[in-house]
All heavy atoms as atom14 arrays in JSON, in Angstrom:
{
  "sequence": "VLEEERQKQRDEQKGFLREGDRVRGTISSIHNFGAFVKIGVVEG",
  "atom14_mask": [
    [1, 1, 1, 1, 1, 1, 1, 0, 0, 0, 0, 0, 0, 0],
    [1, 1, 1, 1, 1, 1, 1, 1, 0, 0, 0, 0, 0, 0],
    [1, 1, 1, 1, 1, 1, 1, 1, 1, 0, 0, 0, 0, 0],
    [1, 1, 1, 1, 1, 1, 1, 1, 1, 0, 0, 0, 0, 0],
    [1, 1, 1, 1, 1, 1, 1, 1, 1, 0, 0, 0, 0, 0],
    [1, 1, 1, 1, 1, 1, 1, 1, 1, 1, 1, 0, 0, 0],
    [1, 1, 1, 1, 1, 1, 1, 1, 1, 0, 0, 0, 0, 0],
    [1, 1, 1, 1, 1, 1, 1, 1, 1, 0, 0, 0, 0, 0],
    [1, 1, 1, 1, 1, 1, 1, 1, 1, 0, 0, 0, 0, 0],
    [1, 1, 1, 1, 1, 1, 1, 1, 1, 1, 1, 0, 0, 0],
    [1, 1, 1, 1, 1, 1, 1, 1, 0, 0, 0, 0, 0, 0],
    [1, 1, 1, 1, 1, 1, 1, 1, 1, 0, 0, 0, 0, 0],
    [1, 1, 1, 1, 1, 1, 1, 1, 1, 0, 0, 0, 0, 0],
    [1, 1, 1, 1, 1, 1, 1, 1, 1, 0, 0, 0, 0, 0],
    [1, 1, 1, 1, 0, 0, 0, 0, 0, 0, 0, 0, 0, 0],
    [1, 1, 1, 1, 1, 1, 1, 1, 1, 1, 1, 0, 0, 0],
    [1, 1, 1, 1, 1, 1, 1, 1, 0, 0, 0, 0, 0, 0],
    [1, 1, 1, 1, 1, 1, 1, 1, 1, 1, 1, 0, 0, 0],
    [1, 1, 1, 1, 1, 1, 1, 1, 1, 0, 0, 0, 0, 0],
    [1, 1, 1, 1, 0, 0, 0, 0, 0, 0, 0, 0, 0, 0],
    [1, 1, 1, 1, 1, 1, 1, 1, 0, 0, 0, 0, 0, 0],
    [1, 1, 1, 1, 1, 1, 1, 1, 1, 1, 1, 0, 0, 0],
    [1, 1, 1, 1, 1, 1, 1, 0, 0, 0, 0, 0, 0, 0],
    [1, 1, 1, 1, 1, 1, 1, 1, 1, 1, 1, 0, 0, 0],
    [1, 1, 1, 1, 0, 0, 0, 0, 0, 0, 0, 0, 0, 0],
    [1, 1, 1, 1, 1, 1, 1, 0, 0, 0, 0, 0, 0, 0],
    [1, 1, 1, 1, 1, 1, 1, 1, 0, 0, 0, 0, 0, 0],
    [1, 1, 1, 1, 1, 1, 0, 0, 0, 0, 0, 0, 0, 0],
    [1, 1, 1, 1, 1, 1, 0, 0, 0, 0, 0, 0, 0, 0],
    [1, 1, 1, 1, 1, 1, 1, 1, 0, 0, 0, 0, 0, 0],
    [1, 1, 1, 1, 1, 1, 1, 1, 1, 1, 0, 0, 0, 0],
    [1, 1, 1, 1, 1, 1, 1, 1, 0, 0, 0, 0, 0, 0],
    [1, 1, 1, 1, 1, 1, 1, 1, 1, 1, 1, 0, 0, 0],
    [1, 1, 1, 1, 0, 0, 0, 0, 0, 0, 0, 0, 0, 0],
    [1, 1, 1, 1, 1, 0, 0, 0, 0, 0, 0, 0, 0, 0],
    [1, 1, 1, 1, 1, 1, 1, 1, 1, 1, 1, 0, 0, 0],
    [1, 1, 1, 1, 1, 1, 1, 0, 0, 0, 0, 0, 0, 0],
    [1, 1, 1, 1, 1, 1, 1, 1, 1, 0, 0, 0, 0, 0],
    [1, 1, 1, 1, 1, 1, 1, 1, 0, 0, 0, 0, 0, 0],
    [1, 1, 1, 1, 0, 0, 0, 0, 0, 0, 0, 0, 0, 0],
    [1, 1, 1, 1, 1, 1, 1, 0, 0, 0, 0, 0, 0, 0],
    [1, 1, 1, 1, 1, 1, 1, 0, 0, 0, 0, 0, 0, 0],
    [1, 1, 1, 1, 1, 1, 1, 1, 1, 0, 0, 0, 0, 0],
    [1, 1, 1, 1, 0, 0, 0, 0, 0, 0, 0, 0, 0, 0]
  ],
  "atom14_positions": [
    [[58.52, -70.26, 3.26], [57.45, -70.3, 2.27], [56.09, -70.5, 2.95], [55.1, -69.84, 2.64], [57.71, -71.41, 1.24], [56.53, -71.52, 0.27], [58.99, -71.15, 0.47], [0.0, 0.0, 0.0], [0.0, 0.0, 0.0], [0.0, 0.0, 0.0], [0.0, 0.0, 0.0], [0.0, 0.0, 0.0], [0.0, 0.0, 0.0], [0.0, 0.0, 0.0]],
    [[56.05, -71.45, 3.89], [54.81, -71.75, 4.59], [54.34, -70.57, 5.43], [53.15, -70.29, 5.52], [54.98, -72.98, 5.47], [55.3, -74.29, 4.74], [55.46, -75.43, 5.75], [54.22, -74.63, 3.72], [0.0, 0.0, 0.0], [0.0, 0.0, 0.0], [0.0, 0.0, 0.0], [0.0, 0.0, 0.0], [0.0, 0.0, 0.0], [0.0, 0.0, 0.0]],
    [[55.29, -69.87, 6.06], [54.93, -68.71, 6.87], [54.33, -67.61, 6.01], [53.39, -66.92, 6.41], [56.14, -68.19, 7.63], [56.52, -69.04, 8.83], [57.74, -68.51, 9.56], [58.48, -67.71, 8.95], [57.94, -68.88, 10.73], [0.0, 0.0, 0.0], [0.0, 0.0, 0.0], [0.0, 0.0, 0.0], [0.0, 0.0, 0.0], [0.0, 0.0, 0.0]],
    [[54.9, -67.42, 4.81], [54.37, -66.4, 3.89], [52.95, -66.77, 3.44], [52.06, -65.91, 3.38], [55.28, -66.25, 2.67], [54.83, -65.17, 1.71], [55.77, -65.0, 0.54], [57.0, -65.06, 0.75], [55.27, -64.82, -0.59], [0.0, 0.0, 0.0], [0.0, 0.0, 0.0], [0.0, 0.0, 0.0], [0.0, 0.0, 0.0], [0.0, 0.0, 0.0]],
    [[52.74, -68.05, 3.14], [51.41, -68.5, 2.73], [50.42, -68.34, 3.87], [49.28, -67.92, 3.66], [51.48, -69.97, 2.28], [52.24, -70.17, 0.98], [52.36, -71.64, 0.62], [51.94, -72.5, 1.43], [52.91, -71.95, -0.47], [0.0, 0.0, 0.0], [0.0, 0.0, 0.0], [0.0, 0.0, 0.0], [0.0, 0.0, 0.0], [0.0, 0.0, 0.0]],
    [[50.85, -68.7, 5.09], [49.95, -68.58, 6.24], [49.61, -67.11, 6.5], [48.46, -66.79, 6.82], [50.59, -69.19, 7.48], [49.66, -69.21, 8.68], [50.24, -69.97, 9.84], [51.41, -69.33, 10.4], [52.0, -69.72, 11.52], [51.53, -70.77, 12.18], [53.06, -69.09, 11.99], [0.0, 0.0, 0.0], [0.0, 0.0, 0.0], [0.0, 0.0, 0.0]],
    [[50.61, -66.23, 6.37], [50.35, -64.8, 6.59], [49.36, -64.27, 5.57], [48.48, -63.46, 5.89], [51.66, -64.01, 6.51], [51.51, -62.52, 6.8], [50.98, -62.24, 8.19], [51.43, -62.85, 9.15], [50.02, -61.32, 8.31], [0.0, 0.0, 0.0], [0.0, 0.0, 0.0], [0.0, 0.0, 0.0], [0.0, 0.0, 0.0], [0.0, 0.0, 0.0]],
    [[49.49, -64.72, 4.32], [48.54, -64.31, 3.28], [47.13, -64.79, 3.61], [46.15, -64.01, 3.5], [49.0, -64.86, 1.93], [48.12, -64.45, 0.76], [48.65, -65.04, -0.54], [47.74, -64.68, -1.71], [48.23, -65.27, -2.99], [0.0, 0.0, 0.0], [0.0, 0.0, 0.0], [0.0, 0.0, 0.0], [0.0, 0.0, 0.0], [0.0, 0.0, 0.0]],
    [[47.02, -66.04, 4.02], [45.7, -66.57, 4.39], [45.16, -65.88, 5.64], [43.96, -65.63, 5.76], [45.79, -68.08, 4.64], [46.09, -68.87, 3.38], [46.38, -70.34, 3.69], [46.71, -70.71, 4.81], [46.24, -71.19, 2.69], [0.0, 0.0, 0.0], [0.0, 0.0, 0.0], [0.0, 0.0, 0.0], [0.0, 0.0, 0.0], [0.0, 0.0, 0.0]],
    [[46.06, -65.54, 6.56], [45.64, -64.83, 7.78], [45.09, -63.45, 7.44], [44.08, -63.01, 8.02], [46.84, -64.7, 8.73], [46.51, -64.13, 10.1], [47.77, -64.14, 10.97], [47.48, -63.67, 12.31], [47.47, -62.39, 12.68], [47.73, -61.47, 11.78], [47.2, -62.04, 13.91], [0.0, 0.0, 0.0], [0.0, 0.0, 0.0], [0.0, 0.0, 0.0]],
    [[45.75, -62.77, 6.5], [45.28, -61.44, 6.08], [43.9, -61.55, 5.42], [43.07, -60.66, 5.58], [46.29, -60.8, 5.12], [47.58, -60.42, 5.81], [47.57, -60.29, 7.05], [48.6, -60.26, 5.11], [0.0, 0.0, 0.0], [0.0, 0.0, 0.0], [0.0, 0.0, 0.0], [0.0, 0.0, 0.0], [0.0, 0.0, 0.0], [0.0, 0.0, 0.0]],
    [[43.69, -62.64, 4.66], [42.39, -62.85, 4.04], [41.32, -63.08, 5.11], [40.2, -62.53, 5.0], [42.46, -64.04, 3.08], [43.3, -63.78, 1.82], [43.42, -65.02, 0.95], [42.92, -66.08, 1.37], [44.0, -64.91, -0.15], [0.0, 0.0, 0.0], [0.0, 0.0, 0.0], [0.0, 0.0, 0.0], [0.0, 0.0, 0.0], [0.0, 0.0, 0.0]],
    [[41.64, -63.87, 6.14], [40.68, -64.1, 7.22], [40.39, -62.81, 7.97], [39.26, -62.55, 8.37], [41.21, -65.16, 8.19], [41.0, -66.58, 7.71], [41.31, -67.6, 8.79], [42.4, -68.14, 8.82], [40.37, -67.84, 9.65], [0.0, 0.0, 0.0], [0.0, 0.0, 0.0], [0.0, 0.0, 0.0], [0.0, 0.0, 0.0], [0.0, 0.0, 0.0]],
    [[41.43, -62.01, 8.16], [41.27, -60.74, 8.86], [40.28, -59.84, 8.13], [39.58, -59.04, 8.73], [42.64, -60.06, 8.98], [42.62, -58.74, 9.73], [44.02, -58.17, 9.8], [44.02, -56.8, 10.48], [45.4, -56.2, 10.54], [0.0, 0.0, 0.0], [0.0, 0.0, 0.0], [0.0, 0.0, 0.0], [0.0, 0.0, 0.0], [0.0, 0.0, 0.0]],
    [[40.23, -60.01, 6.81], [39.36, -59.17, 6.01], [37.89, -59.48, 6.17], [37.04, -58.6, 5.97], [0.0, 0.0, 0.0], [0.0, 0.0, 0.0], [0.0, 0.0, 0.0], [0.0, 0.0, 0.0], [0.0, 0.0, 0.0], [0.0, 0.0, 0.0], [0.0, 0.0, 0.0], [0.0, 0.0, 0.0], [0.0, 0.0, 0.0], [0.0, 0.0, 0.0]],
    [[37.54, -60.73, 6.53], [36.11, -61.05, 6.62], [35.65, -61.49, 8.0], [34.45, -61.52, 8.26], [35.75, -62.15, 5.59], [36.35, -63.49, 5.86], [35.81, -64.34, 6.8], [37.45, -63.93, 5.13], [36.36, -65.58, 7.02], [38.0, -65.18, 5.34], [37.45, -66.01, 6.3], [0.0, 0.0, 0.0], [0.0, 0.0, 0.0], [0.0, 0.0, 0.0]],
    [[36.58, -61.85, 8.92], [36.17, -62.29, 10.25], [35.95, -61.09, 11.15], [36.81, -60.23, 11.29], [37.24, -63.21, 10.85], [36.92, -63.84, 12.2], [35.64, -64.68, 12.13], [38.08, -64.71, 12.68], [0.0, 0.0, 0.0], [0.0, 0.0, 0.0], [0.0, 0.0, 0.0], [0.0, 0.0, 0.0], [0.0, 0.0, 0.0], [0.0, 0.0, 0.0]],
    [[34.76, -61.01, 11.76], [34.39, -59.89, 12.62], [33.95, -60.39, 13.98], [33.49, -61.52, 14.14], [33.24, -59.08, 11.98], [33.59, -58.43, 10.65], [34.52, -57.24, 10.84], [34.81, -56.57, 9.58], [35.83, -56.84, 8.79], [36.65, -57.83, 9.12], [36.04, -56.18, 7.66], [0.0, 0.0, 0.0], [0.0, 0.0, 0.0], [0.0, 0.0, 0.0]],
    [[34.1, -59.52, 15.0], [33.63, -59.87, 16.34], [32.12, -60.09, 16.3], [31.39, -59.3, 15.71], [33.98, -58.77, 17.33], [35.49, -58.64, 17.57], [35.84, -57.54, 18.55], [34.91, -56.9, 19.08], [37.05, -57.32, 18.8], [0.0, 0.0, 0.0], [0.0, 0.0, 0.0], [0.0, 0.0, 0.0], [0.0, 0.0, 0.0], [0.0, 0.0, 0.0]],
    [[31.69, -61.17, 16.93], [30.27, -61.54, 16.92], [29.92, -62.58, 15.87], [28.83, -63.14, 15.91], [0.0, 0.0, 0.0], [0.0, 0.0, 0.0], [0.0, 0.0, 0.0], [0.0, 0.0, 0.0], [0.0, 0.0, 0.0], [0.0, 0.0, 0.0], [0.0, 0.0, 0.0], [0.0, 0.0, 0.0], [0.0, 0.0, 0.0], [0.0, 0.0, 0.0]],
    [[30.84, -62.86, 14.93], [30.59, -63.86, 13.89], [30.61, -65.26, 14.47], [31.39, -65.56, 15.39], [31.64, -63.76, 12.78], [31.45, -62.56, 11.89], [30.43, -61.86, 12.05], [32.32, -62.3, 11.04], [0.0, 0.0, 0.0], [0.0, 0.0, 0.0], [0.0, 0.0, 0.0], [0.0, 0.0, 0.0], [0.0, 0.0, 0.0], [0.0, 0.0, 0.0]],
    [[29.76, -66.13, 13.92], [29.79, -67.56, 14.26], [30.65, -68.27, 13.23], [30.46, -68.11, 12.03], [28.37, -68.15, 14.22], [27.51, -67.82, 15.43], [26.11, -68.37, 15.22], [25.29, -68.18, 16.4], [24.93, -69.15, 17.23], [25.31, -70.39, 16.99], [24.18, -68.91, 18.27], [0.0, 0.0, 0.0], [0.0, 0.0, 0.0], [0.0, 0.0, 0.0]],
    [[31.6, -69.05, 13.71], [32.49, -69.77, 12.82], [32.72, -71.18, 13.36], [32.51, -71.46, 14.54], [33.85, -69.05, 12.69], [33.7, -67.76, 11.92], [34.46, -68.78, 14.05], [0.0, 0.0, 0.0], [0.0, 0.0, 0.0], [0.0, 0.0, 0.0], [0.0, 0.0, 0.0], [0.0, 0.0, 0.0], [0.0, 0.0, 0.0], [0.0, 0.0, 0.0]],
    [[33.15, -72.06, 12.47], [33.46, -73.43, 12.88], [34.99, -73.59, 12.94], [35.72, -73.02, 12.14], [32.87, -74.45, 11.9], [31.36, -74.46, 11.91], [30.82, -75.73, 11.27], [31.16, -76.91, 12.03], [30.47, -77.33, 13.1], [29.42, -76.64, 13.54], [30.84, -78.43, 13.73], [0.0, 0.0, 0.0], [0.0, 0.0, 0.0], [0.0, 0.0, 0.0]],
    [[35.43, -74.36, 13.93], [36.85, -74.59, 14.11], [37.11, -75.95, 14.73], [36.17, -76.72, 14.99], [0.0, 0.0, 0.0], [0.0, 0.0, 0.0], [0.0, 0.0, 0.0], [0.0, 0.0, 0.0], [0.0, 0.0, 0.0], [0.0, 0.0, 0.0], [0.0, 0.0, 0.0], [0.0, 0.0, 0.0], [0.0, 0.0, 0.0], [0.0, 0.0, 0.0]],
    [[38.38, -76.21, 14.99], [38.8, -77.48, 15.57], [39.62, -77.22, 16.81], [40.53, -76.37, 16.8], [39.64, -78.29, 14.55], [38.89, -78.46, 13.35], [40.01, -79.65, 15.11], [0.0, 0.0, 0.0], [0.0, 0.0, 0.0], [0.0, 0.0, 0.0], [0.0, 0.0, 0.0], [0.0, 0.0, 0.0], [0.0, 0.0, 0.0], [0.0, 0.0, 0.0]],
    [[39.32, -77.93, 17.9], [40.07, -77.79, 19.13], [41.48, -78.31, 18.9], [41.67, -79.46, 18.51], [39.41, -78.56, 20.29], [37.99, -78.05, 20.55], [40.24, -78.46, 21.56], [37.91, -76.59, 20.95], [0.0, 0.0, 0.0], [0.0, 0.0, 0.0], [0.0, 0.0, 0.0], [0.0, 0.0, 0.0], [0.0, 0.0, 0.0], [0.0, 0.0, 0.0]],
    [[42.49, -77.45, 19.11], [43.87, -77.83, 18.84], [44.61, -78.27, 20.11], [45.48, -79.13, 20.05], [44.62, -76.68, 18.17], [44.53, -75.49, 18.93], [0.0, 0.0, 0.0], [0.0, 0.0, 0.0], [0.0, 0.0, 0.0], [0.0, 0.0, 0.0], [0.0, 0.0, 0.0], [0.0, 0.0, 0.0], [0.0, 0.0, 0.0], [0.0, 0.0, 0.0]],
    [[44.3, -77.67, 21.25], [44.94, -78.06, 22.5], [44.09, -77.61, 23.68], [43.28, -76.68, 23.56], [46.36, -77.45, 22.62], [46.3, -76.03, 22.6], [0.0, 0.0, 0.0], [0.0, 0.0, 0.0], [0.0, 0.0, 0.0], [0.0, 0.0, 0.0], [0.0, 0.0, 0.0], [0.0, 0.0, 0.0], [0.0, 0.0, 0.0], [0.0, 0.0, 0.0]],
    [[44.27, -78.29, 24.81], [43.47, -78.02, 26.02], [44.42, -77.74, 27.18], [45.41, -78.45, 27.39], [42.55, -79.22, 26.34], [41.53, -79.41, 25.22], [41.84, -79.01, 27.67], [40.66, -80.64, 25.38], [0.0, 0.0, 0.0], [0.0, 0.0, 0.0], [0.0, 0.0, 0.0], [0.0, 0.0, 0.0], [0.0, 0.0, 0.0], [0.0, 0.0, 0.0]],
    [[44.1, -76.69, 27.95], [44.89, -76.31, 29.11], [43.94, -76.06, 30.28], [42.71, -76.03, 30.11], [45.72, -75.07, 28.81], [46.57, -75.2, 27.58], [47.86, -75.67, 27.62], [46.29, -74.98, 26.27], [48.37, -75.71, 26.38], [47.42, -75.29, 25.55], [0.0, 0.0, 0.0], [0.0, 0.0, 0.0], [0.0, 0.0, 0.0], [0.0, 0.0, 0.0]],
    [[44.5, -75.84, 31.48], [43.63, -75.65, 32.64], [42.91, -74.3, 32.61], [41.91, -74.11, 33.31], [44.43, -75.8, 33.94], [45.6, -74.82, 34.02], [45.8, -74.0, 33.12], [46.38, -74.92, 35.07], [0.0, 0.0, 0.0], [0.0, 0.0, 0.0], [0.0, 0.0, 0.0], [0.0, 0.0, 0.0], [0.0, 0.0, 0.0], [0.0, 0.0, 0.0]],
    [[43.38, -73.35, 31.81], [42.77, -72.03, 31.73], [41.82, -71.88, 30.54], [41.13, -70.87, 30.41], [43.84, -70.94, 31.65], [44.83, -71.16, 30.53], [44.57, -70.73, 29.25], [46.03, -71.79, 30.79], [45.47, -70.94, 28.22], [46.96, -72.0, 29.77], [46.68, -71.57, 28.48], [0.0, 0.0, 0.0], [0.0, 0.0, 0.0], [0.0, 0.0, 0.0]],
    [[41.79, -72.87, 29.65], [40.93, -72.78, 28.48], [41.37, -73.74, 27.39], [42.25, -74.58, 27.6], [0.0, 0.0, 0.0], [0.0, 0.0, 0.0], [0.0, 0.0, 0.0], [0.0, 0.0, 0.0], [0.0, 0.0, 0.0], [0.0, 0.0, 0.0], [0.0, 0.0, 0.0], [0.0, 0.0, 0.0], [0.0, 0.0, 0.0], [0.0, 0.0, 0.0]],
    [[40.78, -73.59, 26.22], [41.12, -74.45, 25.09], [41.41, -73.57, 23.87], [40.75, -72.55, 23.66], [39.96, -75.4, 24.79], [0.0, 0.0, 0.0], [0.0, 0.0, 0.0], [0.0, 0.0, 0.0], [0.0, 0.0, 0.0], [0.0, 0.0, 0.0], [0.0, 0.0, 0.0], [0.0, 0.0, 0.0], [0.0, 0.0, 0.0], [0.0, 0.0, 0.0]],
    [[42.39, -73.99, 23.07], [42.7, -73.27, 21.84], [41.94, -73.9, 20.68], [41.88, -75.12, 20.56], [44.2, -73.28, 21.56], [44.96, -72.3, 22.4], [45.55, -72.71, 23.59], [45.08, -70.98, 22.02], [46.24, -71.8, 24.38], [45.76, -70.06, 22.8], [46.36, -70.48, 24.0], [0.0, 0.0, 0.0], [0.0, 0.0, 0.0], [0.0, 0.0, 0.0]],
    [[41.35, -73.04, 19.85], [40.59, -73.51, 18.7], [41.25, -72.95, 17.43], [41.64, -71.76, 17.38], [39.12, -73.04, 18.79], [39.01, -71.53, 18.9], [38.31, -73.56, 17.61], [0.0, 0.0, 0.0], [0.0, 0.0, 0.0], [0.0, 0.0, 0.0], [0.0, 0.0, 0.0], [0.0, 0.0, 0.0], [0.0, 0.0, 0.0], [0.0, 0.0, 0.0]],
    [[41.4, -73.81, 16.44], [42.01, -73.4, 15.17], [40.92, -73.16, 14.16], [40.07, -74.02, 13.9], [42.96, -74.49, 14.66], [43.8, -74.03, 13.46], [44.88, -75.03, 13.12], [45.76, -74.52, 11.99], [46.83, -75.48, 11.64], [0.0, 0.0, 0.0], [0.0, 0.0, 0.0], [0.0, 0.0, 0.0], [0.0, 0.0, 0.0], [0.0, 0.0, 0.0]],
    [[40.92, -71.95, 13.59], [39.93, -71.56, 12.6], [40.69, -71.12, 11.35], [41.31, -70.05, 11.33], [39.04, -70.43, 13.13], [38.32, -70.9, 14.38], [38.04, -69.97, 12.06], [37.69, -69.8, 15.17], [0.0, 0.0, 0.0], [0.0, 0.0, 0.0], [0.0, 0.0, 0.0], [0.0, 0.0, 0.0], [0.0, 0.0, 0.0], [0.0, 0.0, 0.0]],
    [[40.67, -71.95, 10.34], [41.48, -71.66, 9.16], [42.95, -71.78, 9.52], [43.42, -72.81, 10.0], [0.0, 0.0, 0.0], [0.0, 0.0, 0.0], [0.0, 0.0, 0.0], [0.0, 0.0, 0.0], [0.0, 0.0, 0.0], [0.0, 0.0, 0.0], [0.0, 0.0, 0.0], [0.0, 0.0, 0.0], [0.0, 0.0, 0.0], [0.0, 0.0, 0.0]],
    [[43.7, -70.68, 9.36], [45.13, -70.69, 9.69], [45.4, -69.96, 11.01], [46.55, -69.86, 11.42], [45.95, -70.05, 8.57], [45.84, -70.85, 7.29], [45.53, -68.59, 8.34], [0.0, 0.0, 0.0], [0.0, 0.0, 0.0], [0.0, 0.0, 0.0], [0.0, 0.0, 0.0], [0.0, 0.0, 0.0], [0.0, 0.0, 0.0], [0.0, 0.0, 0.0]],
    [[44.36, -69.44, 11.66], [44.57, -68.73, 12.92], [44.09, -69.56, 14.1], [43.25, -70.45, 13.95], [43.86, -67.36, 12.92], [44.35, -66.5, 11.77], [42.34, -67.52, 12.85], [0.0, 0.0, 0.0], [0.0, 0.0, 0.0], [0.0, 0.0, 0.0], [0.0, 0.0, 0.0], [0.0, 0.0, 0.0], [0.0, 0.0, 0.0], [0.0, 0.0, 0.0]],
    [[44.68, -69.26, 15.26], [44.29, -69.93, 16.5], [43.84, -68.9, 17.5], [44.36, -67.79, 17.56], [45.47, -70.71, 17.09], [45.45, -72.17, 16.78], [46.49, -72.95, 17.57], [47.46, -72.33, 18.05], [46.32, -74.16, 17.7], [0.0, 0.0, 0.0], [0.0, 0.0, 0.0], [0.0, 0.0, 0.0], [0.0, 0.0, 0.0], [0.0, 0.0, 0.0]],
    [[42.83, -69.25, 18.29], [42.35, -68.37, 19.32], [42.01, -69.15, 20.57], [41.95, -70.38, 20.55], [0.0, 0.0, 0.0], [0.0, 0.0, 0.0], [0.0, 0.0, 0.0], [0.0, 0.0, 0.0], [0.0, 0.0, 0.0], [0.0, 0.0, 0.0], [0.0, 0.0, 0.0], [0.0, 0.0, 0.0], [0.0, 0.0, 0.0], [0.0, 0.0, 0.0]]
  ]
}
């Protein structure tokens, strides 16, 4: 159920998030090669 909800929210984010956009997120984890940031239901 949660995966279906997350996929739906992800598709919604895909519809409005574009390269070059400024967005706010939360640092989810840190590694020696970079840091992962969570924006809504997606991570980058």
